[in-house]
Amino acid sequence: MTELLYRICTVEDWGQACAEGTLPLSALDERDGFVHLSLAGQVAQTLGRYFTGISDLVLLTIDSGRLSKQGLYFEHSIHEDQGARRKGLFPHYYGRIAREAVVRAQTIERDVNGAHVLPAAVSEDARREFERELGTSTLELQLSWDDRGVALLEYPQETRIEDEASMLAWEAQLERRIAALNEGRGKVPLVVGVDNLWVAPKLERRYVEMVDKLITRAFSVVVRWSSNEHRRRFFARTNQAHDLPSEVFASREEAIGFALAQG
């Protein structure tokens, strides 16, 4: 299977591509001499860097197998300082991209706060991309049902959410597991063990937004616990900074007791 690449453009540019058979170049493409593309795990970063506040955007999925191999290179972004470069390389295409190379076109919606919302298919692509990098088929998380009436989420191995790819992979798998667990149960309490969960400070807001989404869609309350004092302080501080309940308990049983007491 060939690799999927992504291109963000305006609705107008996509209409032009459909009419003329070739994707138009952006001003940035013309300046740099190549077409800027992204991997699945880089789409959110590209949106935030170049398209904040812009509406009427389309995300194009491009089959790399339909591009000339001689024109596709994976290179560092030339718009970042040497010391600030990401570990990953960005796909740059030296040539014009035909309309036939685009296998999917999706409108990028915006939420009530004006933030762009990535299509679910891209989050799934990012998850698979991240898992290929790790050489594993699943992220290490366990979601189970406790007969006392609570859902339990735990991380048996060290899990690091340190970039957009890992965040998207984590969100996609967690939402899939939650949908399966909650079927027929309605909203229930969730108790999360965070001993082995680490979230990069730059992604704290995204993490909190995910917790908010969990509470709204699937759970009546989300309670966390950790036997590690440092982890308890980190998650308590994160909660307080975003006006969430700050309790992070020292044991699973304490957390379960608190969750059940909330009704």
Protein backbone atom coordinates (compact mmCIF):
# COMPACT_ATOMS: atom_id res chain seq x y z
CA MET A 1 0.00 0.00 0.00
CA THR A 2 1.36 3.40 -0.97
CA GLU A 3 1.70 6.18 1.58
CA LEU A 4 -1.02 8.80 1.92
CA LEU A 5 -0.04 12.46 1.91
CA TYR A 6 -2.13 15.54 2.68
CA ARG A 7 -2.63 18.98 1.19
CA ILE A 8 -4.66 21.83 2.71
CA CYS A 9 -6.20 24.29 0.28
CA THR A 10 -9.17 26.61 -0.06
CA VAL A 11 -12.50 25.55 -1.51
CA GLU A 12 -11.80 27.91 -4.40
CA ASP A 13 -8.43 26.27 -5.17
CA TRP A 14 -9.99 22.80 -5.06
CA GLY A 15 -12.69 23.93 -7.49
CA GLN A 16 -9.97 25.24 -9.80
CA ALA A 17 -8.13 21.90 -9.59
CA CYS A 18 -11.29 20.01 -10.53
CA ALA A 19 -11.87 22.32 -13.49
CA GLU A 20 -8.30 22.45 -14.80
CA GLY A 21 -6.99 19.02 -13.77
CA THR A 22 -4.01 20.28 -11.74
CA LEU A 23 -3.73 21.55 -8.17
CA PRO A 24 -2.88 25.27 -8.16
CA LEU A 25 0.27 26.41 -6.39
CA SER A 26 0.07 28.54 -3.26
CA ALA A 27 2.19 31.66 -2.82
CA LEU A 28 4.40 29.62 -0.45
CA ASP A 29 4.82 26.87 -3.07
CA GLU A 30 5.84 29.39 -5.72
CA ARG A 31 8.33 31.03 -3.38
CA ASP A 32 9.96 27.79 -2.23
CA GLY A 33 9.89 25.96 -5.55
CA PHE A 34 7.93 22.89 -4.43
CA VAL A 35 4.44 21.84 -3.31
CA HIS A 36 4.09 21.68 0.48
CA LEU A 37 2.48 18.45 1.69
CA SER A 38 2.02 16.81 5.10
CA LEU A 39 1.91 13.38 6.67
CA ALA A 40 -1.23 12.57 8.68
CA GLY A 41 0.45 13.40 11.97
CA GLN A 42 1.63 16.76 10.62
CA VAL A 43 -1.74 18.08 9.40
CA ALA A 44 -2.73 19.69 12.71
CA GLN A 45 0.65 21.44 12.94
CA THR A 46 0.32 22.74 9.38
CA LEU A 47 -3.20 24.00 10.06
CA GLY A 48 -2.07 25.85 13.17
CA ARG A 49 0.98 27.37 11.48
CA TYR A 50 -0.51 28.59 8.22
CA PHE A 51 -4.33 28.53 8.38
CA THR A 52 -5.42 29.83 11.80
CA GLY A 53 -8.68 31.74 11.51
CA ILE A 54 -9.25 30.79 7.86
CA SER A 55 -12.57 29.25 6.82
CA ASP A 56 -13.61 27.35 3.68
CA LEU A 57 -10.69 24.93 3.75
CA VAL A 58 -10.47 21.50 2.17
CA LEU A 59 -8.14 18.66 3.17
CA LEU A 60 -6.96 16.63 0.19
CA THR A 61 -5.68 13.08 0.59
CA ILE A 62 -3.08 12.26 -2.05
CA ASP A 63 -1.92 8.79 -3.07
CA SER A 64 1.87 9.07 -3.20
CA GLY A 65 1.91 6.17 -5.66
CA ARG A 66 0.35 8.50 -8.24
CA LEU A 67 3.19 11.00 -7.94
CA SER A 68 6.53 10.88 -9.70
CA LYS A 69 9.08 9.21 -7.41
CA GLN A 70 11.73 11.54 -8.78
CA GLY A 71 9.78 14.59 -7.57
CA LEU A 72 8.91 13.53 -4.00
CA TYR A 73 11.39 14.29 -1.21
CA PHE A 74 11.12 14.20 2.58
CA GLU A 75 12.96 17.21 3.98
CA HIS A 76 13.17 19.44 7.03
CA SER A 77 10.91 22.47 6.99
CA ILE A 78 12.88 25.44 5.66
CA HIS A 79 10.67 27.81 7.68
CA GLU A 80 11.90 26.66 11.12
CA ASP A 81 15.08 27.53 12.95
CA GLN A 82 17.64 24.72 13.05
CA GLY A 83 17.20 24.32 16.80
CA ALA A 84 13.41 24.20 16.58
CA ARG A 85 13.05 21.55 13.89
CA ARG A 86 10.84 18.57 14.47
CA LYS A 87 12.17 15.04 14.45
CA GLY A 88 10.03 14.28 11.38
CA LEU A 89 10.59 15.29 7.79
CA PHE A 90 7.93 16.95 5.66
CA PRO A 91 6.98 15.70 2.17
CA HIS A 92 7.87 18.21 -0.55
CA TYR A 93 6.86 17.60 -4.16
CA TYR A 94 8.93 19.17 -6.92
CA GLY A 95 6.38 19.29 -9.72
CA ARG A 96 2.67 19.78 -10.32
CA ILE A 97 0.08 17.45 -8.78
CA ALA A 98 -2.65 16.14 -11.06
CA ARG A 99 -6.26 16.04 -9.90
CA GLU A 100 -6.21 12.24 -10.37
CA ALA A 101 -3.66 11.89 -7.54
CA VAL A 102 -6.28 13.10 -5.03
CA VAL A 103 -8.22 10.15 -3.61
CA ARG A 104 -10.26 12.05 -1.01
CA ALA A 105 -11.39 15.65 -0.44
CA GLN A 106 -12.93 16.64 2.90
CA THR A 107 -14.17 19.96 4.21
CA ILE A 108 -12.36 21.10 7.37
CA GLU A 109 -15.04 22.19 9.81
CA ARG A 110 -14.63 24.64 12.70
CA ASP A 111 -15.98 24.19 16.22
CA VAL A 112 -17.92 26.74 18.30
CA ASN A 113 -14.62 28.35 19.33
CA GLY A 114 -13.46 28.72 15.75
CA ALA A 115 -10.81 25.97 15.98
CA HIS A 116 -10.36 23.63 13.03
CA VAL A 117 -11.64 20.08 13.50
CA LEU A 118 -9.74 17.37 11.67
CA PRO A 119 -11.82 14.76 9.81
CA ALA A 120 -12.01 11.44 11.66
CA ALA A 121 -10.36 9.59 8.78
CA VAL A 122 -7.23 11.71 9.15
CA SER A 123 -7.03 10.96 12.87
CA GLU A 124 -7.22 7.27 12.01
CA ASP A 125 -4.50 7.65 9.37
CA ALA A 126 -2.34 9.44 11.95
CA ARG A 127 -2.87 6.60 14.42
CA ARG A 128 -1.73 4.01 11.89
CA GLU A 129 1.22 6.20 10.91
CA PHE A 130 2.29 6.56 14.54
CA GLU A 131 1.92 2.83 15.20
CA ARG A 132 4.09 2.01 12.18
CA GLU A 133 6.78 4.25 13.63
CA LEU A 134 6.53 2.43 16.96
CA GLY A 135 6.44 -0.98 15.30
CA THR A 136 3.29 -1.92 17.22
CA SER A 137 -0.33 -2.58 16.30
CA THR A 138 -1.88 -0.84 19.30
CA LEU A 139 -1.08 1.81 21.85
CA GLU A 140 -0.77 0.41 25.34
CA LEU A 141 -4.02 1.35 27.04
CA GLN A 142 -6.59 -0.84 28.78
CA LEU A 143 -10.25 0.11 29.15
CA SER A 144 -12.43 -2.26 31.17
CA TRP A 145 -15.68 -2.41 33.13
CA ASP A 146 -15.69 -2.79 36.93
CA ASP A 147 -18.79 -4.53 38.36
CA ARG A 148 -19.15 -1.76 40.94
CA GLY A 149 -20.38 0.45 38.11
CA VAL A 150 -17.32 2.33 36.85
CA ALA A 151 -15.14 2.19 33.76
CA LEU A 152 -11.39 1.77 34.37
CA LEU A 153 -8.76 3.22 32.03
CA GLU A 154 -5.11 2.33 32.69
CA TYR A 155 -1.76 2.38 30.92
CA PRO A 156 0.22 -0.82 31.64
CA GLN A 157 3.37 0.57 29.99
CA GLU A 158 4.92 4.03 29.73
CA THR A 159 2.79 6.07 27.31
CA ARG A 160 4.16 9.40 26.10
CA ILE A 161 1.91 11.92 24.36
CA GLU A 162 4.63 14.19 23.02
CA ASP A 163 3.58 15.33 19.54
CA GLU A 164 0.55 15.71 17.27
CA ALA A 165 0.90 12.21 15.82
CA SER A 166 0.86 10.50 19.22
CA MET A 167 -2.01 12.75 20.39
CA LEU A 168 -4.13 11.87 17.36
CA ALA A 169 -3.32 8.17 17.68
CA TRP A 170 -4.23 8.21 21.38
CA GLU A 171 -7.51 10.05 20.77
CA ALA A 172 -8.54 7.74 17.92
CA GLN A 173 -7.92 4.52 19.83
CA LEU A 174 -9.44 5.82 23.06
CA GLU A 175 -12.64 6.97 21.35
CA ARG A 176 -12.98 3.59 19.61
CA ARG A 177 -12.53 1.68 22.88
CA ILE A 178 -14.98 3.95 24.69
CA ALA A 179 -17.67 3.49 22.05
CA ALA A 180 -17.43 -0.29 22.43
CA LEU A 181 -17.43 -0.20 26.25
CA ASN A 182 -20.31 2.26 26.66
CA GLU A 183 -22.71 0.64 24.23
CA GLY A 184 -25.99 0.13 26.09
CA ARG A 185 -24.67 1.58 29.37
CA GLY A 186 -25.15 5.31 28.93
CA LYS A 187 -23.00 7.75 30.90
CA VAL A 188 -20.96 6.11 33.67
CA PRO A 189 -18.04 7.23 35.90
CA LEU A 190 -14.53 6.81 34.49
CA VAL A 191 -11.50 6.17 36.72
CA VAL A 192 -8.13 6.75 35.04
CA GLY A 193 -4.77 5.51 36.31
CA VAL A 194 -2.05 7.91 35.14
CA ASP A 195 1.06 6.30 36.64
CA ASN A 196 2.42 5.58 33.15
CA LEU A 197 0.91 8.50 31.24
CA TRP A 198 3.04 11.50 30.31
CA VAL A 199 1.68 14.49 28.37
CA ALA A 200 4.02 17.11 26.91
CA PRO A 201 3.35 20.57 28.41
CA LYS A 202 2.66 21.99 24.93
CA LEU A 203 -0.22 19.50 24.58
CA GLU A 204 -1.84 20.11 27.97
CA ARG A 205 -4.68 22.12 26.46
CA ARG A 206 -5.40 19.41 23.90
CA TYR A 207 -5.39 16.82 26.68
CA VAL A 208 -7.88 18.85 28.74
CA GLU A 209 -10.10 19.35 25.69
CA MET A 210 -10.15 15.57 25.27
CA VAL A 211 -11.19 15.13 28.91
CA ASP A 212 -13.98 17.67 28.41
CA LYS A 213 -15.16 15.75 25.35
CA LEU A 214 -15.15 12.47 27.30
CA ILE A 215 -17.29 13.96 30.05
CA THR A 216 -19.72 15.50 27.58
CA ARG A 217 -20.15 12.46 25.34
CA ALA A 218 -19.57 9.34 27.39
CA PHE A 219 -18.96 9.74 31.12
CA SER A 220 -20.71 11.32 34.08
CA VAL A 221 -17.40 12.11 35.81
CA VAL A 222 -13.68 11.52 35.14
CA VAL A 223 -11.47 10.82 38.19
CA ARG A 224 -7.72 10.18 38.09
CA TRP A 225 -5.29 8.47 40.40
CA SER A 226 -1.54 7.87 40.58
CA SER A 227 0.78 6.30 43.13
CA ASN A 228 3.43 8.76 41.92
CA GLU A 229 3.32 12.09 43.77
CA HIS A 230 4.94 13.97 40.88
CA ARG A 231 2.26 12.72 38.48
CA ARG A 232 -0.48 13.65 40.94
CA ARG A 233 0.85 17.20 41.16
CA PHE A 234 1.13 17.50 37.39
CA PHE A 235 -2.44 16.43 36.68
CA ALA A 236 -3.84 18.40 39.64
CA ARG A 237 -2.10 21.53 38.35
CA THR A 238 -3.42 20.89 34.83
CA ASN A 239 -6.96 20.54 36.19
CA GLN A 240 -6.74 23.72 38.23
CA ALA A 241 -5.36 25.70 35.29
CA HIS A 242 -8.40 24.76 33.23
CA ASP A 243 -11.11 24.99 35.92
CA LEU A 244 -11.60 21.22 36.24
CA PRO A 245 -11.96 19.26 39.52
CA SER A 246 -8.43 19.05 40.92
CA GLU A 247 -8.66 15.77 42.83
CA VAL A 248 -6.02 13.24 41.77
CA PHE A 249 -6.05 10.35 44.23
CA ALA A 250 -3.18 8.20 45.47
CA SER A 251 -4.85 4.84 44.76
CA ARG A 252 -7.37 3.23 42.45
CA GLU A 253 -9.72 2.37 45.32
CA GLU A 254 -9.80 5.96 46.55
CA ALA A 255 -10.60 7.16 43.05
CA ILE A 256 -13.34 4.56 42.60
CA GLY A 257 -14.89 5.51 45.93
CA PHE A 258 -14.93 9.18 44.96
CA ALA A 259 -16.41 8.43 41.52
CA LEU A 260 -19.22 6.33 42.99
CA ALA A 261 -19.99 9.03 45.56
CA GLN A 262 -20.61 11.49 42.75
CA GLY A 263 -23.58 9.42 41.66
